[in-house]
Amino acid sequence: MAIRTTAEKVVGIVDFDSNAGEAEVVLAPFIETAADLVDTHCVPQGLSDAKLELIERWLAGHFYACFTGQVLSETTGTVSATYLWKTGYMLNQTRQGQQAMIVDSSGALARWNQQTISGSKLSLSVNWGGSKYDSVKDSL
């Protein structure tokens, strides 16, 4: 598995709590998960290394945001915070996941995301080239 992005780059796109610990350690599992998805779905599409790094960065941000929750609003006076936990399913759940699909110009992540949501991996279609009377004619 190739790791293309860095914790520093991921910190730039998420609400990283500096009290959570060292970014490299905290973000490592999210970056690894993102790298696996990129290797599986985006590398076969022939995207550039720069594009793969961007997708991996946004996916790592997505997984981190899913884990920690996204802050929707904050108040300082009497200390309040509202978190956004669900806006959709799969990569649609976070702004970072949505951005990863946008950056993936091949559409591989969006297809995988939709297939996973709908529960289908393969679709089967049958096209008949003859007329609807072919079977009747053959039996006469």
C-alpha atoms as a PDB file:
ATOM      1  CA  MET A   1       0.000   0.000   0.000  1.00  0.00           C
ATOM      2  CA  ALA A   2       1.395   3.368  -1.006  1.00  0.00           C
ATOM      3  CA  ILE A   3       0.924   6.338   1.326  1.00  0.00           C
ATOM      4  CA  ARG A   4       0.765   9.546  -0.697  1.00  0.00           C
ATOM      5  CA  THR A   5      -0.429  12.229   1.702  1.00  0.00           C
ATOM      6  CA  THR A   6       0.807  13.548   5.033  1.00  0.00           C
ATOM      7  CA  ALA A   7      -0.805  14.283   8.376  1.00  0.00           C
ATOM      8  CA  GLU A   8       0.113  17.941   7.920  1.00  0.00           C
ATOM      9  CA  LYS A   9      -1.903  18.129   4.696  1.00  0.00           C
ATOM     10  CA  VAL A  10      -4.889  16.366   6.273  1.00  0.00           C
ATOM     11  CA  VAL A  11      -4.834  18.737   9.261  1.00  0.00           C
ATOM     12  CA  GLY A  12      -5.363  21.543   6.754  1.00  0.00           C
ATOM     13  CA  ILE A  13      -8.800  20.231   5.734  1.00  0.00           C
ATOM     14  CA  VAL A  14     -10.267  19.015   9.042  1.00  0.00           C
ATOM     15  CA  ASP A  15     -11.023  20.471  12.452  1.00  0.00           C
ATOM     16  CA  PHE A  16      -8.036  18.823  14.093  1.00  0.00           C
ATOM     17  CA  ASP A  17      -7.977  19.072  17.884  1.00  0.00           C
ATOM     18  CA  SER A  18      -4.377  19.871  18.802  1.00  0.00           C
ATOM     19  CA  ASN A  19      -5.066  18.389  22.241  1.00  0.00           C
ATOM     20  CA  ALA A  20      -5.758  15.003  20.620  1.00  0.00           C
ATOM     21  CA  GLY A  21      -2.048  14.282  20.306  1.00  0.00           C
ATOM     22  CA  GLU A  22       0.584  14.298  17.611  1.00  0.00           C
ATOM     23  CA  ALA A  23      -1.119  14.578  14.212  1.00  0.00           C
ATOM     24  CA  GLU A  24       1.069  11.905  12.587  1.00  0.00           C
ATOM     25  CA  VAL A  25       0.027   9.352  15.211  1.00  0.00           C
ATOM     26  CA  VAL A  26      -3.629  10.360  15.466  1.00  0.00           C
ATOM     27  CA  LEU A  27      -4.213  10.528  11.707  1.00  0.00           C
ATOM     28  CA  ALA A  28      -2.185   7.440  10.697  1.00  0.00           C
ATOM     29  CA  PRO A  29      -5.115   4.958  10.674  1.00  0.00           C
ATOM     30  CA  PHE A  30      -7.278   7.348   8.657  1.00  0.00           C
ATOM     31  CA  ILE A  31      -4.516   7.940   6.109  1.00  0.00           C
ATOM     32  CA  GLU A  32      -3.898   4.186   5.812  1.00  0.00           C
ATOM     33  CA  THR A  33      -7.594   3.520   5.204  1.00  0.00           C
ATOM     34  CA  ALA A  34      -7.707   6.278   2.592  1.00  0.00           C
ATOM     35  CA  ALA A  35      -4.583   4.886   0.884  1.00  0.00           C
ATOM     36  CA  ASP A  36      -6.210   1.458   0.649  1.00  0.00           C
ATOM     37  CA  LEU A  37      -9.313   2.897  -1.035  1.00  0.00           C
ATOM     38  CA  VAL A  38      -7.199   4.944  -3.432  1.00  0.00           C
ATOM     39  CA  ASP A  39      -5.091   1.877  -4.306  1.00  0.00           C
ATOM     40  CA  THR A  40      -8.212  -0.202  -4.899  1.00  0.00           C
ATOM     41  CA  HIS A  41     -10.403   2.247  -6.816  1.00  0.00           C
ATOM     42  CA  CYS A  42      -8.317   5.122  -8.194  1.00  0.00           C
ATOM     43  CA  VAL A  43      -4.872   3.762  -9.088  1.00  0.00           C
ATOM     44  CA  PRO A  44      -6.328   1.393 -11.735  1.00  0.00           C
ATOM     45  CA  GLN A  45      -7.911   4.428 -13.419  1.00  0.00           C
ATOM     46  CA  GLY A  46      -4.474   5.823 -14.348  1.00  0.00           C
ATOM     47  CA  LEU A  47      -4.785   9.092 -12.422  1.00  0.00           C
ATOM     48  CA  SER A  48      -1.660  11.182 -11.814  1.00  0.00           C
ATOM     49  CA  ASP A  49       0.274  10.937  -8.544  1.00  0.00           C
ATOM     50  CA  ALA A  50      -0.738  14.507  -7.695  1.00  0.00           C
ATOM     51  CA  LYS A  51      -4.431  13.663  -8.206  1.00  0.00           C
ATOM     52  CA  LEU A  52      -4.086  10.453  -6.159  1.00  0.00           C
ATOM     53  CA  GLU A  53      -2.530  12.414  -3.283  1.00  0.00           C
ATOM     54  CA  LEU A  54      -5.407  14.917  -3.295  1.00  0.00           C
ATOM     55  CA  ILE A  55      -8.006  12.146  -3.273  1.00  0.00           C
ATOM     56  CA  GLU A  56      -6.178  10.346  -0.470  1.00  0.00           C
ATOM     57  CA  ARG A  57      -5.961  13.582   1.548  1.00  0.00           C
ATOM     58  CA  TRP A  58      -9.700  14.222   1.259  1.00  0.00           C
ATOM     59  CA  LEU A  59     -10.546  10.598   2.031  1.00  0.00           C
ATOM     60  CA  ALA A  60      -8.333  10.656   5.136  1.00  0.00           C
ATOM     61  CA  GLY A  61     -10.137  13.827   6.189  1.00  0.00           C
ATOM     62  CA  HIS A  62     -13.448  12.061   5.589  1.00  0.00           C
ATOM     63  CA  PHE A  63     -12.546   9.125   7.824  1.00  0.00           C
ATOM     64  CA  TYR A  64     -11.233  11.433  10.544  1.00  0.00           C
ATOM     65  CA  ALA A  65     -14.397  13.567  10.390  1.00  0.00           C
ATOM     66  CA  CYS A  66     -16.573  10.437  10.621  1.00  0.00           C
ATOM     67  CA  PHE A  67     -14.638   9.351  13.676  1.00  0.00           C
ATOM     68  CA  THR A  68     -14.654  12.684  15.508  1.00  0.00           C
ATOM     69  CA  GLY A  69     -17.800  14.332  14.155  1.00  0.00           C
ATOM     70  CA  GLN A  70     -17.984  17.609  12.269  1.00  0.00           C
ATOM     71  CA  VAL A  71     -18.542  20.794  14.227  1.00  0.00           C
ATOM     72  CA  LEU A  72     -21.578  22.561  12.826  1.00  0.00           C
ATOM     73  CA  SER A  73     -21.557  25.488  15.263  1.00  0.00           C
ATOM     74  CA  GLU A  74     -19.619  26.625  18.314  1.00  0.00           C
ATOM     75  CA  THR A  75     -20.282  29.111  21.095  1.00  0.00           C
ATOM     76  CA  THR A  76     -17.632  30.406  23.442  1.00  0.00           C
ATOM     77  CA  GLY A  77     -19.642  32.237  26.135  1.00  0.00           C
ATOM     78  CA  THR A  78     -21.257  29.308  27.914  1.00  0.00           C
ATOM     79  CA  VAL A  79     -19.348  26.727  25.866  1.00  0.00           C
ATOM     80  CA  SER A  80     -21.556  24.978  23.374  1.00  0.00           C
ATOM     81  CA  ALA A  81     -20.924  22.914  20.254  1.00  0.00           C
ATOM     82  CA  THR A  82     -23.240  21.302  17.741  1.00  0.00           C
ATOM     83  CA  TYR A  83     -21.990  18.379  15.694  1.00  0.00           C
ATOM     84  CA  LEU A  84     -23.130  17.215  12.295  1.00  0.00           C
ATOM     85  CA  TRP A  85     -23.158  13.430  12.349  1.00  0.00           C
ATOM     86  CA  LYS A  86     -25.024  12.497   9.201  1.00  0.00           C
ATOM     87  CA  THR A  87     -25.720  14.298   5.945  1.00  0.00           C
ATOM     88  CA  GLY A  88     -25.862  11.173   3.805  1.00  0.00           C
ATOM     89  CA  TYR A  89     -24.358   7.736   3.556  1.00  0.00           C
ATOM     90  CA  MET A  90     -20.827   6.597   2.811  1.00  0.00           C
ATOM     91  CA  LEU A  91     -18.704   9.333   1.242  1.00  0.00           C
ATOM     92  CA  ASN A  92     -21.720  11.653   1.134  1.00  0.00           C
ATOM     93  CA  GLN A  93     -21.614  11.810   4.936  1.00  0.00           C
ATOM     94  CA  THR A  94     -18.887  14.470   5.112  1.00  0.00           C
ATOM     95  CA  ARG A  95     -17.762  17.477   3.131  1.00  0.00           C
ATOM     96  CA  GLN A  96     -14.373  15.789   2.808  1.00  0.00           C
ATOM     97  CA  GLY A  97     -15.884  12.625   1.318  1.00  0.00           C
ATOM     98  CA  GLN A  98     -17.900  14.677  -1.140  1.00  0.00           C
ATOM     99  CA  GLN A  99     -14.752  16.581  -2.111  1.00  0.00           C
ATOM    100  CA  ALA A 100     -12.823  13.326  -2.649  1.00  0.00           C
ATOM    101  CA  MET A 101     -15.462  12.227  -5.160  1.00  0.00           C
ATOM    102  CA  ILE A 102     -15.258  15.593  -6.928  1.00  0.00           C
ATOM    103  CA  VAL A 103     -11.461  15.461  -7.166  1.00  0.00           C
ATOM    104  CA  ASP A 104     -11.606  11.915  -8.585  1.00  0.00           C
ATOM    105  CA  SER A 105     -12.110  12.837 -12.227  1.00  0.00           C
ATOM    106  CA  SER A 106     -12.398   9.143 -13.177  1.00  0.00           C
ATOM    107  CA  GLY A 107     -15.630   8.789 -11.226  1.00  0.00           C
ATOM    108  CA  ALA A 108     -14.432   5.525  -9.643  1.00  0.00           C
ATOM    109  CA  LEU A 109     -15.123   6.645  -6.062  1.00  0.00           C
ATOM    110  CA  ALA A 110     -18.576   7.984  -6.916  1.00  0.00           C
ATOM    111  CA  ARG A 111     -19.471   4.690  -8.661  1.00  0.00           C
ATOM    112  CA  TRP A 112     -18.171   2.623  -5.730  1.00  0.00           C
ATOM    113  CA  ASN A 113     -19.999   4.895  -3.283  1.00  0.00           C
ATOM    114  CA  GLN A 114     -23.310   4.551  -5.147  1.00  0.00           C
ATOM    115  CA  GLN A 115     -22.937   0.792  -5.615  1.00  0.00           C
ATOM    116  CA  THR A 116     -22.247   0.351  -1.912  1.00  0.00           C
ATOM    117  CA  ILE A 117     -25.222   2.494  -0.897  1.00  0.00           C
ATOM    118  CA  SER A 118     -27.583   0.632  -3.204  1.00  0.00           C
ATOM    119  CA  GLY A 119     -26.157  -2.723  -2.162  1.00  0.00           C
ATOM    120  CA  SER A 120     -25.313  -3.765  -5.681  1.00  0.00           C
ATOM    121  CA  LYS A 121     -21.918  -4.567  -7.055  1.00  0.00           C
ATOM    122  CA  LEU A 122     -22.934  -5.872 -10.452  1.00  0.00           C
ATOM    123  CA  SER A 123     -25.873  -5.199 -12.659  1.00  0.00           C
ATOM    124  CA  LEU A 124     -27.138  -7.505 -15.344  1.00  0.00           C
ATOM    125  CA  SER A 125     -29.043  -6.425 -18.390  1.00  0.00           C
ATOM    126  CA  VAL A 126     -30.284  -8.446 -21.321  1.00  0.00           C
ATOM    127  CA  ASN A 127     -30.950  -6.950 -24.738  1.00  0.00           C
ATOM    128  CA  TRP A 128     -32.974  -8.934 -27.238  1.00  0.00           C
ATOM    129  CA  GLY A 129     -32.105  -8.234 -30.850  1.00  0.00           C
ATOM    130  CA  GLY A 130     -35.052 -10.003 -32.443  1.00  0.00           C
ATOM    131  CA  SER A 131     -38.681  -9.072 -32.662  1.00  0.00           C
ATOM    132  CA  LYS A 132     -41.203 -10.177 -30.083  1.00  0.00           C
ATOM    133  CA  TYR A 133     -42.652 -12.637 -32.629  1.00  0.00           C
ATOM    134  CA  ASP A 134     -39.427 -14.556 -33.373  1.00  0.00           C
ATOM    135  CA  SER A 135     -40.268 -17.372 -30.965  1.00  0.00           C
ATOM    136  CA  VAL A 136     -43.782 -17.751 -32.428  1.00  0.00           C
ATOM    137  CA  LYS A 137     -42.452 -17.922 -36.003  1.00  0.00           C
ATOM    138  CA  ASP A 138     -39.902 -20.567 -35.019  1.00  0.00           C
ATOM    139  CA  SER A 139     -42.620 -22.781 -33.549  1.00  0.00           C
ATOM    140  CA  LEU A 140     -44.845 -22.706 -36.702  1.00  0.00           C
END
